[in-house]
Amino acid sequence: MQPAAIDTSNPLAGLISDEVYTLLEEHNLLSDKGVRDFQIRQKFRAMRRAGVPAYDAIEQLREAYPYLQFDTIRKIVYKVNKR
């Protein structure tokens, strides 16, 4: 028996295993927008930890996601989770 192929396309690797991600994706239980927003927040936090000013970090994210406006990205990165 061969080992299972490693799936490196899990954008939520820090939260869930590749197997769980694949299962959720197969059953269409993931929100593409939610995954995208999570990735944007992670990239923003990494840039801020690296000393990039918030405005510049948002501008860099705008370049990576040109279909999003500055204010949209700002709302994503500063979103407060309501529970």
N, C-alpha and C. Protein backbone atom coordinates (compact mmCIF):
# COMPACT_ATOMS: atom_id res chain seq x y z
N MET A 1 0.85 -1.18 0.00
CA MET A 1 0.00 0.00 0.00
C MET A 1 0.89 1.24 0.00
N GLN A 2 0.60 2.18 -0.91
CA GLN A 2 1.39 3.40 -1.01
C GLN A 2 0.85 4.45 -0.05
N PRO A 3 1.75 5.32 0.46
CA PRO A 3 1.27 6.38 1.34
C PRO A 3 0.39 7.35 0.55
N ALA A 4 -0.55 7.95 1.24
CA ALA A 4 -1.46 8.91 0.61
C ALA A 4 -0.67 10.13 0.16
N ALA A 5 -1.07 10.69 -0.95
CA ALA A 5 -0.42 11.90 -1.45
C ALA A 5 -0.72 13.05 -0.50
N ILE A 6 0.27 13.88 -0.30
CA ILE A 6 0.11 15.03 0.59
C ILE A 6 -0.51 16.17 -0.20
N ASP A 7 -1.62 16.67 0.29
CA ASP A 7 -2.31 17.78 -0.35
C ASP A 7 -1.79 19.08 0.26
N THR A 8 -1.13 19.88 -0.56
CA THR A 8 -0.56 21.13 -0.05
C THR A 8 -1.46 22.32 -0.34
N SER A 9 -2.68 22.07 -0.80
CA SER A 9 -3.57 23.17 -1.14
C SER A 9 -4.51 23.55 0.00
N ASN A 10 -4.21 23.16 1.21
CA ASN A 10 -5.04 23.46 2.36
C ASN A 10 -4.69 24.85 2.89
N PRO A 11 -5.49 25.86 2.59
CA PRO A 11 -5.19 27.20 3.09
C PRO A 11 -5.48 27.36 4.58
N LEU A 12 -6.09 26.36 5.17
CA LEU A 12 -6.41 26.40 6.60
C LEU A 12 -5.53 25.44 7.40
N ALA A 13 -4.35 25.15 6.87
CA ALA A 13 -3.46 24.15 7.47
C ALA A 13 -3.15 24.43 8.94
N GLY A 14 -3.12 25.68 9.33
CA GLY A 14 -2.87 26.01 10.73
C GLY A 14 -4.04 25.72 11.65
N LEU A 15 -5.20 25.48 11.06
CA LEU A 15 -6.40 25.24 11.86
C LEU A 15 -6.90 23.81 11.80
N ILE A 16 -6.89 23.24 10.59
CA ILE A 16 -7.42 21.90 10.41
C ILE A 16 -6.47 21.07 9.55
N SER A 17 -6.58 19.77 9.69
CA SER A 17 -5.71 18.88 8.92
C SER A 17 -6.12 18.87 7.45
N ASP A 18 -5.22 18.40 6.61
CA ASP A 18 -5.51 18.29 5.18
C ASP A 18 -6.69 17.36 4.94
N GLU A 19 -6.78 16.30 5.71
CA GLU A 19 -7.86 15.35 5.55
C GLU A 19 -9.21 15.99 5.85
N VAL A 20 -9.28 16.75 6.93
CA VAL A 20 -10.53 17.41 7.30
C VAL A 20 -10.87 18.47 6.25
N TYR A 21 -9.88 19.24 5.80
CA TYR A 21 -10.12 20.25 4.77
C TYR A 21 -10.68 19.60 3.50
N THR A 22 -10.05 18.50 3.07
CA THR A 22 -10.50 17.81 1.86
C THR A 22 -11.93 17.31 2.02
N LEU A 23 -12.24 16.75 3.18
CA LEU A 23 -13.59 16.26 3.44
C LEU A 23 -14.61 17.40 3.40
N LEU A 24 -14.30 18.50 4.05
CA LEU A 24 -15.21 19.65 4.04
C LEU A 24 -15.38 20.20 2.63
N GLU A 25 -14.31 20.26 1.88
CA GLU A 25 -14.36 20.76 0.51
C GLU A 25 -15.18 19.82 -0.39
N GLU A 26 -14.98 18.52 -0.23
CA GLU A 26 -15.72 17.54 -1.03
C GLU A 26 -17.22 17.66 -0.82
N HIS A 27 -17.62 18.02 0.39
CA HIS A 27 -19.04 18.12 0.71
C HIS A 27 -19.55 19.56 0.61
N ASN A 28 -18.74 20.41 0.01
CA ASN A 28 -19.11 21.80 -0.22
C ASN A 28 -19.54 22.50 1.07
N LEU A 29 -18.77 22.28 2.13
CA LEU A 29 -19.09 22.85 3.43
C LEU A 29 -18.20 24.04 3.79
N LEU A 30 -17.39 24.48 2.84
CA LEU A 30 -16.51 25.62 3.08
C LEU A 30 -16.99 26.81 2.27
N SER A 31 -16.90 27.96 2.87
CA SER A 31 -17.24 29.20 2.18
C SER A 31 -15.98 29.74 1.51
N ASP A 32 -16.01 29.89 0.19
CA ASP A 32 -14.84 30.42 -0.51
C ASP A 32 -14.49 31.81 0.01
N LYS A 33 -15.50 32.62 0.27
CA LYS A 33 -15.27 33.96 0.79
C LYS A 33 -14.66 33.90 2.19
N GLY A 34 -15.15 33.01 3.01
CA GLY A 34 -14.62 32.86 4.36
C GLY A 34 -13.17 32.42 4.35
N VAL A 35 -12.83 31.48 3.48
CA VAL A 35 -11.44 31.02 3.37
C VAL A 35 -10.56 32.16 2.86
N ARG A 36 -11.04 32.89 1.84
CA ARG A 36 -10.29 34.04 1.30
C ARG A 36 -10.05 35.08 2.39
N ASP A 37 -11.09 35.42 3.15
CA ASP A 37 -10.95 36.42 4.20
C ASP A 37 -9.97 35.97 5.27
N PHE A 38 -10.00 34.68 5.62
CA PHE A 38 -9.05 34.14 6.58
C PHE A 38 -7.62 34.32 6.08
N GLN A 39 -7.40 34.00 4.80
CA GLN A 39 -6.07 34.15 4.22
C GLN A 39 -5.63 35.61 4.21
N ILE A 40 -6.54 36.51 3.91
CA ILE A 40 -6.22 37.94 3.91
C ILE A 40 -5.81 38.37 5.31
N ARG A 41 -6.57 37.95 6.32
CA ARG A 41 -6.22 38.32 7.71
C ARG A 41 -4.87 37.76 8.11
N GLN A 42 -4.58 36.53 7.71
CA GLN A 42 -3.29 35.92 8.05
C GLN A 42 -2.14 36.68 7.39
N LYS A 43 -2.30 37.03 6.11
CA LYS A 43 -1.26 37.78 5.40
C LYS A 43 -1.06 39.15 6.02
N PHE A 44 -2.17 39.81 6.39
CA PHE A 44 -2.10 41.13 7.00
C PHE A 44 -1.33 41.06 8.32
N ARG A 45 -1.68 40.09 9.15
CA ARG A 45 -1.00 39.95 10.45
C ARG A 45 0.49 39.67 10.28
N ALA A 46 0.83 38.84 9.29
CA ALA A 46 2.24 38.54 9.04
C ALA A 46 2.99 39.80 8.61
N MET A 47 2.38 40.60 7.76
CA MET A 47 3.02 41.84 7.32
C MET A 47 3.19 42.81 8.49
N ARG A 48 2.18 42.90 9.33
CA ARG A 48 2.26 43.81 10.48
C ARG A 48 3.35 43.35 11.44
N ARG A 49 3.47 42.04 11.66
CA ARG A 49 4.54 41.52 12.53
C ARG A 49 5.92 41.82 11.94
N ALA A 50 5.98 41.91 10.61
CA ALA A 50 7.24 42.21 9.93
C ALA A 50 7.52 43.71 9.90
N GLY A 51 6.64 44.50 10.51
CA GLY A 51 6.87 45.93 10.60
C GLY A 51 6.29 46.76 9.48
N VAL A 52 5.48 46.16 8.63
CA VAL A 52 4.86 46.90 7.53
C VAL A 52 3.72 47.75 8.11
N PRO A 53 3.69 49.06 7.81
CA PRO A 53 2.57 49.88 8.28
C PRO A 53 1.24 49.36 7.75
N ALA A 54 0.18 49.54 8.52
CA ALA A 54 -1.13 49.00 8.18
C ALA A 54 -1.59 49.46 6.79
N TYR A 55 -1.44 50.75 6.50
CA TYR A 55 -1.88 51.26 5.19
C TYR A 55 -1.14 50.54 4.07
N ASP A 56 0.17 50.38 4.20
CA ASP A 56 0.97 49.71 3.17
C ASP A 56 0.59 48.23 3.04
N ALA A 57 0.30 47.59 4.17
CA ALA A 57 -0.10 46.19 4.14
C ALA A 57 -1.42 46.03 3.39
N ILE A 58 -2.35 46.93 3.64
CA ILE A 58 -3.64 46.86 2.94
C ILE A 58 -3.44 47.12 1.45
N GLU A 59 -2.58 48.06 1.11
CA GLU A 59 -2.29 48.33 -0.30
C GLU A 59 -1.67 47.10 -0.99
N GLN A 60 -0.78 46.41 -0.30
CA GLN A 60 -0.18 45.19 -0.87
C GLN A 60 -1.25 44.12 -1.07
N LEU A 61 -2.17 44.02 -0.13
CA LEU A 61 -3.26 43.06 -0.27
C LEU A 61 -4.18 43.45 -1.43
N ARG A 62 -4.36 44.73 -1.65
CA ARG A 62 -5.17 45.19 -2.79
C ARG A 62 -4.53 44.75 -4.10
N GLU A 63 -3.21 44.76 -4.15
CA GLU A 63 -2.52 44.30 -5.35
C GLU A 63 -2.74 42.80 -5.56
N ALA A 64 -2.78 42.05 -4.47
CA ALA A 64 -2.99 40.61 -4.57
C ALA A 64 -4.45 40.27 -4.86
N TYR A 65 -5.36 41.12 -4.44
CA TYR A 65 -6.80 40.93 -4.63
C TYR A 65 -7.37 42.19 -5.29
N PRO A 66 -7.06 42.42 -6.57
CA PRO A 66 -7.43 43.68 -7.22
C PRO A 66 -8.93 43.91 -7.34
N TYR A 67 -9.73 42.88 -7.18
CA TYR A 67 -11.18 43.04 -7.27
C TYR A 67 -11.79 43.55 -5.97
N LEU A 68 -10.96 43.69 -4.92
CA LEU A 68 -11.44 44.21 -3.64
C LEU A 68 -10.99 45.65 -3.46
N GLN A 69 -11.86 46.46 -2.91
CA GLN A 69 -11.52 47.85 -2.64
C GLN A 69 -10.77 47.96 -1.32
N PHE A 70 -10.08 49.08 -1.14
CA PHE A 70 -9.30 49.34 0.07
C PHE A 70 -10.17 49.16 1.31
N ASP A 71 -11.35 49.78 1.32
CA ASP A 71 -12.23 49.70 2.49
C ASP A 71 -12.72 48.29 2.76
N THR A 72 -12.91 47.52 1.71
CA THR A 72 -13.34 46.13 1.88
C THR A 72 -12.26 45.33 2.59
N ILE A 73 -11.01 45.50 2.17
CA ILE A 73 -9.90 44.79 2.81
C ILE A 73 -9.73 45.28 4.24
N ARG A 74 -9.86 46.58 4.44
CA ARG A 74 -9.75 47.13 5.80
C ARG A 74 -10.80 46.50 6.71
N LYS A 75 -12.03 46.35 6.22
CA LYS A 75 -13.09 45.74 7.02
C LYS A 75 -12.78 44.27 7.30
N ILE A 76 -12.19 43.58 6.33
CA ILE A 76 -11.85 42.17 6.53
C ILE A 76 -10.78 42.03 7.60
N VAL A 77 -9.71 42.83 7.51
CA VAL A 77 -8.59 42.63 8.45
C VAL A 77 -8.91 43.11 9.85
N TYR A 78 -9.85 44.04 9.98
CA TYR A 78 -10.21 44.54 11.31
C TYR A 78 -11.53 43.99 11.81
N LYS A 79 -12.04 42.95 11.15
CA LYS A 79 -13.32 42.35 11.53
C LYS A 79 -13.24 41.83 12.96
N VAL A 80 -14.27 42.13 13.72
CA VAL A 80 -14.38 41.62 15.08
C VAL A 80 -15.35 40.47 15.04
N ASN A 81 -14.91 39.30 15.49
CA ASN A 81 -15.79 38.12 15.49
C ASN A 81 -16.89 38.30 16.53
N LYS A 82 -18.13 38.20 16.07
CA LYS A 82 -19.28 38.31 16.98
C LYS A 82 -19.74 36.91 17.32
N ARG A 83 -19.67 36.55 18.57
CA ARG A 83 -20.07 35.21 18.99
C ARG A 83 -21.09 35.28 20.07
